[in-house]
Amino acid sequence: MGTSRHIAMALGLLFASGAALAHNCPNEMKAIDAKLATKPALSQADMTKVQKLRADGEAQHKAGNHDASMKSLGDAKKILGI
């Protein structure tokens, strides 16, 4: 019985952590938007890439693909230096 309870708790925590990350996508988008509002000194190619990654991240978030969204948004943040 004890082992079953531990497994159930571990699975619960796993799902809860996934849900927590899923809800972080909007915060990542806000951070990117705030940095873009400061008009960072980026090449046109980097700016285009950041804008595409930001848009992709939002679309992926809306589609429920939060892992891909966090990857796209993370890549955009790296280019922006945040």
N, C-alpha and C. Protein backbone atom coordinates (compact mmCIF):
# COMPACT_ATOMS: atom_id res chain seq x y z
N MET A 1 0.82 -1.20 0.00
CA MET A 1 0.00 0.00 0.00
C MET A 1 0.86 1.26 0.00
N GLY A 2 1.93 1.27 0.79
CA GLY A 2 2.79 2.43 0.86
C GLY A 2 3.43 2.77 -0.47
N THR A 3 3.84 1.75 -1.21
CA THR A 3 4.47 1.97 -2.50
C THR A 3 3.48 2.56 -3.49
N SER A 4 2.26 2.09 -3.48
CA SER A 4 1.22 2.62 -4.37
C SER A 4 0.97 4.09 -4.09
N ARG A 5 0.95 4.43 -2.83
CA ARG A 5 0.71 5.82 -2.45
C ARG A 5 1.86 6.70 -2.93
N HIS A 6 3.10 6.21 -2.81
CA HIS A 6 4.26 6.99 -3.26
C HIS A 6 4.24 7.17 -4.77
N ILE A 7 3.86 6.13 -5.49
CA ILE A 7 3.78 6.23 -6.94
C ILE A 7 2.72 7.24 -7.34
N ALA A 8 1.58 7.18 -6.68
CA ALA A 8 0.49 8.12 -6.98
C ALA A 8 0.92 9.55 -6.70
N MET A 9 1.62 9.76 -5.61
CA MET A 9 2.09 11.10 -5.28
C MET A 9 3.12 11.60 -6.30
N ALA A 10 4.02 10.72 -6.72
CA ALA A 10 5.03 11.09 -7.71
C ALA A 10 4.38 11.47 -9.03
N LEU A 11 3.39 10.70 -9.46
CA LEU A 11 2.68 11.02 -10.69
C LEU A 11 1.94 12.34 -10.57
N GLY A 12 1.34 12.58 -9.42
CA GLY A 12 0.65 13.84 -9.19
C GLY A 12 1.58 15.02 -9.30
N LEU A 13 2.77 14.89 -8.70
CA LEU A 13 3.75 15.97 -8.78
C LEU A 13 4.25 16.18 -10.21
N LEU A 14 4.41 15.10 -10.93
CA LEU A 14 4.84 15.19 -12.31
C LEU A 14 3.84 15.99 -13.15
N PHE A 15 2.57 15.66 -13.01
CA PHE A 15 1.54 16.38 -13.76
C PHE A 15 1.42 17.83 -13.32
N ALA A 16 1.57 18.06 -12.03
CA ALA A 16 1.49 19.43 -11.52
C ALA A 16 2.63 20.28 -12.05
N SER A 17 3.83 19.70 -12.15
CA SER A 17 4.97 20.47 -12.66
C SER A 17 4.78 20.80 -14.13
N GLY A 18 4.21 19.89 -14.89
CA GLY A 18 3.92 20.15 -16.30
C GLY A 18 2.91 21.27 -16.46
N ALA A 19 1.90 21.28 -15.61
CA ALA A 19 0.89 22.33 -15.65
C ALA A 19 1.50 23.68 -15.28
N ALA A 20 2.41 23.67 -14.31
CA ALA A 20 3.06 24.92 -13.90
C ALA A 20 3.88 25.50 -15.05
N LEU A 21 4.61 24.67 -15.77
CA LEU A 21 5.38 25.15 -16.91
C LEU A 21 4.46 25.65 -18.03
N ALA A 22 3.34 24.98 -18.21
CA ALA A 22 2.41 25.38 -19.26
C ALA A 22 1.90 26.79 -19.03
N HIS A 23 1.74 27.15 -17.79
CA HIS A 23 1.21 28.47 -17.48
C HIS A 23 2.31 29.52 -17.46
N ASN A 24 3.55 29.14 -17.65
CA ASN A 24 4.65 30.09 -17.67
C ASN A 24 4.86 30.69 -19.06
N CYS A 25 4.30 30.09 -20.07
CA CYS A 25 4.47 30.60 -21.44
C CYS A 25 4.09 32.09 -21.53
N PRO A 26 2.93 32.50 -20.99
CA PRO A 26 2.58 33.93 -21.08
C PRO A 26 3.61 34.84 -20.40
N ASN A 27 4.20 34.38 -19.30
CA ASN A 27 5.22 35.20 -18.64
C ASN A 27 6.46 35.33 -19.51
N GLU A 28 6.81 34.26 -20.20
CA GLU A 28 7.95 34.31 -21.11
C GLU A 28 7.67 35.28 -22.26
N MET A 29 6.45 35.25 -22.79
CA MET A 29 6.08 36.16 -23.88
C MET A 29 6.13 37.61 -23.40
N LYS A 30 5.66 37.86 -22.17
CA LYS A 30 5.70 39.22 -21.62
C LYS A 30 7.13 39.71 -21.47
N ALA A 31 8.03 38.83 -21.04
CA ALA A 31 9.43 39.22 -20.89
C ALA A 31 10.04 39.58 -22.24
N ILE A 32 9.72 38.80 -23.26
CA ILE A 32 10.22 39.08 -24.61
C ILE A 32 9.65 40.40 -25.11
N ASP A 33 8.35 40.60 -24.92
CA ASP A 33 7.71 41.84 -25.37
C ASP A 33 8.30 43.06 -24.67
N ALA A 34 8.58 42.92 -23.37
CA ALA A 34 9.16 44.03 -22.62
C ALA A 34 10.55 44.38 -23.16
N LYS A 35 11.33 43.37 -23.46
CA LYS A 35 12.67 43.61 -24.00
C LYS A 35 12.58 44.23 -25.39
N LEU A 36 11.66 43.73 -26.22
CA LEU A 36 11.49 44.30 -27.57
C LEU A 36 11.06 45.76 -27.50
N ALA A 37 10.30 46.13 -26.48
CA ALA A 37 9.83 47.50 -26.33
C ALA A 37 10.98 48.47 -26.08
N THR A 38 12.11 47.95 -25.59
CA THR A 38 13.28 48.80 -25.35
C THR A 38 14.11 49.01 -26.62
N LYS A 39 13.65 48.43 -27.72
CA LYS A 39 14.34 48.53 -29.01
C LYS A 39 15.80 48.11 -28.90
N PRO A 40 16.01 46.82 -28.58
CA PRO A 40 17.39 46.34 -28.41
C PRO A 40 18.19 46.43 -29.71
N ALA A 41 19.47 46.60 -29.58
CA ALA A 41 20.35 46.70 -30.74
C ALA A 41 20.62 45.30 -31.27
N LEU A 42 19.81 44.88 -32.22
CA LEU A 42 19.95 43.57 -32.87
C LEU A 42 20.07 43.79 -34.36
N SER A 43 20.73 42.86 -35.01
CA SER A 43 20.74 42.90 -36.48
C SER A 43 19.33 42.64 -36.97
N GLN A 44 19.07 43.02 -38.20
CA GLN A 44 17.74 42.78 -38.77
C GLN A 44 17.43 41.29 -38.79
N ALA A 45 18.44 40.47 -39.07
CA ALA A 45 18.24 39.02 -39.12
C ALA A 45 17.85 38.48 -37.74
N ASP A 46 18.55 38.96 -36.69
CA ASP A 46 18.23 38.50 -35.33
C ASP A 46 16.84 38.99 -34.90
N MET A 47 16.51 40.23 -35.25
CA MET A 47 15.19 40.77 -34.90
C MET A 47 14.09 39.95 -35.57
N THR A 48 14.29 39.61 -36.83
CA THR A 48 13.31 38.79 -37.55
C THR A 48 13.18 37.42 -36.90
N LYS A 49 14.32 36.85 -36.51
CA LYS A 49 14.29 35.53 -35.88
C LYS A 49 13.57 35.58 -34.54
N VAL A 50 13.85 36.61 -33.73
CA VAL A 50 13.18 36.76 -32.43
C VAL A 50 11.68 36.90 -32.63
N GLN A 51 11.27 37.72 -33.57
CA GLN A 51 9.85 37.92 -33.82
C GLN A 51 9.17 36.62 -34.26
N LYS A 52 9.86 35.84 -35.09
CA LYS A 52 9.30 34.57 -35.53
C LYS A 52 9.21 33.58 -34.37
N LEU A 53 10.28 33.49 -33.58
CA LEU A 53 10.26 32.58 -32.43
C LEU A 53 9.16 32.99 -31.44
N ARG A 54 8.99 34.28 -31.23
CA ARG A 54 7.94 34.79 -30.32
C ARG A 54 6.57 34.39 -30.84
N ALA A 55 6.33 34.58 -32.13
CA ALA A 55 5.04 34.23 -32.73
C ALA A 55 4.82 32.72 -32.70
N ASP A 56 5.87 31.96 -33.01
CA ASP A 56 5.77 30.50 -32.95
C ASP A 56 5.44 30.04 -31.54
N GLY A 57 6.11 30.63 -30.55
CA GLY A 57 5.87 30.26 -29.16
C GLY A 57 4.44 30.51 -28.73
N GLU A 58 3.89 31.63 -29.16
CA GLU A 58 2.50 31.93 -28.81
C GLU A 58 1.54 30.94 -29.49
N ALA A 59 1.79 30.66 -30.76
CA ALA A 59 0.93 29.71 -31.49
C ALA A 59 1.01 28.32 -30.86
N GLN A 60 2.21 27.91 -30.49
CA GLN A 60 2.39 26.59 -29.87
C GLN A 60 1.69 26.55 -28.51
N HIS A 61 1.77 27.62 -27.77
CA HIS A 61 1.09 27.70 -26.47
C HIS A 61 -0.42 27.55 -26.66
N LYS A 62 -0.96 28.30 -27.61
CA LYS A 62 -2.41 28.25 -27.85
C LYS A 62 -2.85 26.88 -28.32
N ALA A 63 -1.95 26.16 -29.01
CA ALA A 63 -2.27 24.81 -29.49
C ALA A 63 -2.07 23.75 -28.40
N GLY A 64 -1.58 24.17 -27.24
CA GLY A 64 -1.39 23.24 -26.13
C GLY A 64 -0.04 22.53 -26.14
N ASN A 65 0.84 22.93 -27.04
CA ASN A 65 2.17 22.31 -27.13
C ASN A 65 3.16 23.17 -26.33
N HIS A 66 3.08 23.04 -25.01
CA HIS A 66 3.82 23.93 -24.13
C HIS A 66 5.32 23.67 -24.12
N ASP A 67 5.73 22.43 -24.33
CA ASP A 67 7.17 22.15 -24.39
C ASP A 67 7.80 22.87 -25.57
N ALA A 68 7.17 22.77 -26.72
CA ALA A 68 7.69 23.45 -27.92
C ALA A 68 7.63 24.96 -27.74
N SER A 69 6.56 25.44 -27.10
CA SER A 69 6.43 26.87 -26.86
C SER A 69 7.56 27.38 -25.98
N MET A 70 7.84 26.67 -24.90
CA MET A 70 8.92 27.09 -24.01
C MET A 70 10.27 27.05 -24.71
N LYS A 71 10.47 26.11 -25.62
CA LYS A 71 11.72 26.04 -26.38
C LYS A 71 11.84 27.25 -27.30
N SER A 72 10.79 27.54 -28.05
CA SER A 72 10.82 28.68 -28.97
C SER A 72 11.05 29.98 -28.21
N LEU A 73 10.31 30.15 -27.12
CA LEU A 73 10.43 31.38 -26.34
C LEU A 73 11.80 31.47 -25.68
N GLY A 74 12.33 30.35 -25.24
CA GLY A 74 13.67 30.33 -24.65
C GLY A 74 14.73 30.71 -25.66
N ASP A 75 14.57 30.22 -26.89
CA ASP A 75 15.53 30.58 -27.95
C ASP A 75 15.48 32.08 -28.25
N ALA A 76 14.27 32.64 -28.25
CA ALA A 76 14.13 34.08 -28.47
C ALA A 76 14.79 34.85 -27.35
N LYS A 77 14.61 34.40 -26.11
CA LYS A 77 15.21 35.08 -24.97
C LYS A 77 16.73 35.03 -25.03
N LYS A 78 17.29 33.93 -25.49
CA LYS A 78 18.75 33.82 -25.61
C LYS A 78 19.29 34.88 -26.59
N ILE A 79 18.61 35.03 -27.72
CA ILE A 79 19.06 36.01 -28.71
C ILE A 79 18.98 37.41 -28.11
N LEU A 80 17.93 37.65 -27.30
CA LEU A 80 17.74 38.97 -26.68
C LEU A 80 18.65 39.19 -25.47
N GLY A 81 19.28 38.13 -25.00
CA GLY A 81 20.17 38.25 -23.85
C GLY A 81 19.43 38.33 -22.52
N ILE A 82 18.26 37.70 -22.47
CA ILE A 82 17.49 37.67 -21.19
C ILE A 82 17.26 36.25 -20.76
